[in-house]
């Protein structure tokens, strides 16, 4: 795992990974409610990491940005292969 000098960034990366694992687990178990919940949490964590980037030096920011883009691309791919189509939380 990549470690950054900023502890808040490191903690948020761990949280993001957890939400991503939850999303994949919910997807494999066909749990729509858990998928939507973990997707919302993932998006919040992703946005928080985007805000925390300003506290990194340029090299670390570049590395984090590269990983965030890759994660977002893979998340989009997962959503496109989702057998349920677009996930919406049941009312």
Protein backbone atom coordinates (compact mmCIF):
# COMPACT_ATOMS: atom_id res chain seq x y z
CA UNK A 1 0.00 0.00 0.00
CA UNK A 2 1.18 3.48 -0.82
CA UNK A 3 1.70 5.71 2.20
CA UNK A 4 1.41 9.46 2.03
CA UNK A 5 2.94 11.95 4.45
CA UNK A 6 -0.50 13.23 5.39
CA UNK A 7 -2.16 10.91 7.91
CA UNK A 8 -5.67 12.15 7.02
CA UNK A 9 -5.09 11.10 3.41
CA UNK A 10 -3.85 7.67 4.50
CA UNK A 11 -6.91 7.18 6.71
CA UNK A 12 -9.28 8.24 3.95
CA UNK A 13 -7.59 5.88 1.47
CA UNK A 14 -8.28 3.01 3.89
CA UNK A 15 -11.91 4.12 4.22
CA UNK A 16 -12.27 4.36 0.44
CA UNK A 17 -10.87 0.84 0.05
CA UNK A 18 -13.32 -0.45 2.63
CA UNK A 19 -16.30 1.10 0.85
CA UNK A 20 -15.11 -0.28 -2.47
CA UNK A 21 -14.81 -3.77 -0.99
CA UNK A 22 -18.31 -3.40 0.49
CA UNK A 23 -19.66 -2.37 -2.91
CA UNK A 24 -18.08 -5.36 -4.67
CA UNK A 25 -19.32 -7.69 -1.93
CA UNK A 26 -22.85 -6.33 -2.23
CA UNK A 27 -22.67 -6.66 -6.01
CA UNK A 28 -21.59 -10.29 -5.85
CA UNK A 29 -24.37 -11.08 -3.37
CA UNK A 30 -26.97 -9.14 -5.43
CA UNK A 31 -27.80 -6.90 -2.47
CA UNK A 32 -29.18 -3.70 -4.03
CA UNK A 33 -29.59 -1.79 -0.78
CA UNK A 34 -26.03 -2.50 0.34
CA UNK A 35 -24.75 -1.63 -3.14
CA UNK A 36 -26.39 1.77 -3.06
CA UNK A 37 -25.28 2.47 0.51
CA UNK A 38 -21.67 1.52 -0.18
CA UNK A 39 -21.71 3.50 -3.44
CA UNK A 40 -22.85 6.64 -1.61
CA UNK A 41 -20.16 6.13 1.05
CA UNK A 42 -17.56 5.51 -1.65
CA UNK A 43 -18.51 8.74 -3.43
CA UNK A 44 -18.30 10.77 -0.19
CA UNK A 45 -14.89 9.31 0.59
CA UNK A 46 -13.71 9.95 -2.98
CA UNK A 47 -14.78 13.60 -2.76
CA UNK A 48 -13.07 13.97 0.62
CA UNK A 49 -9.83 12.62 -0.85
CA UNK A 50 -10.12 15.12 -3.69
CA UNK A 51 -10.32 17.92 -1.11
CA UNK A 52 -7.39 16.52 0.90
CA UNK A 53 -5.14 16.51 -2.18
CA UNK A 54 -4.31 20.17 -1.61
CA UNK A 55 -2.34 19.18 1.52
CA UNK A 56 0.03 16.93 -0.45
CA UNK A 57 3.21 17.90 -2.24
CA UNK A 58 3.08 17.82 -6.04
CA UNK A 59 4.60 14.34 -6.38
CA UNK A 60 2.20 12.77 -3.90
CA UNK A 61 -0.71 14.66 -5.41
CA UNK A 62 0.16 13.26 -8.83
CA UNK A 63 0.34 9.70 -7.47
CA UNK A 64 -2.95 10.04 -5.61
CA UNK A 65 -4.64 11.58 -8.63
CA UNK A 66 -3.44 8.72 -10.85
CA UNK A 67 -4.88 6.16 -8.44
CA UNK A 68 -8.15 8.05 -8.01
CA UNK A 69 -8.63 8.22 -11.78
CA UNK A 70 -7.92 4.50 -12.08
CA UNK A 71 -10.35 3.70 -9.24
CA UNK A 72 -13.07 5.90 -10.74
CA UNK A 73 -12.60 4.26 -14.14
CA UNK A 74 -12.86 0.79 -12.62
CA UNK A 75 -15.92 1.82 -10.61
CA UNK A 76 -17.57 3.05 -13.82
CA UNK A 77 -16.72 -0.28 -15.45
CA UNK A 78 -18.27 -2.17 -12.52
CA UNK A 79 -21.42 -0.09 -12.83
CA UNK A 80 -21.61 -0.73 -16.57
CA UNK A 81 -21.38 -4.49 -16.03
CA UNK A 82 -23.93 -4.40 -13.23
CA UNK A 83 -26.73 -6.87 -14.09
CA UNK A 84 -29.25 -4.54 -12.43
CA UNK A 85 -28.40 -1.55 -14.59
CA UNK A 86 -28.21 1.73 -12.70
CA UNK A 87 -28.47 1.10 -8.96
CA UNK A 88 -31.17 3.07 -7.21
CA UNK A 89 -32.06 2.69 -3.56
CA UNK A 90 -35.53 1.12 -3.18
CA UNK A 91 -38.14 3.41 -1.69
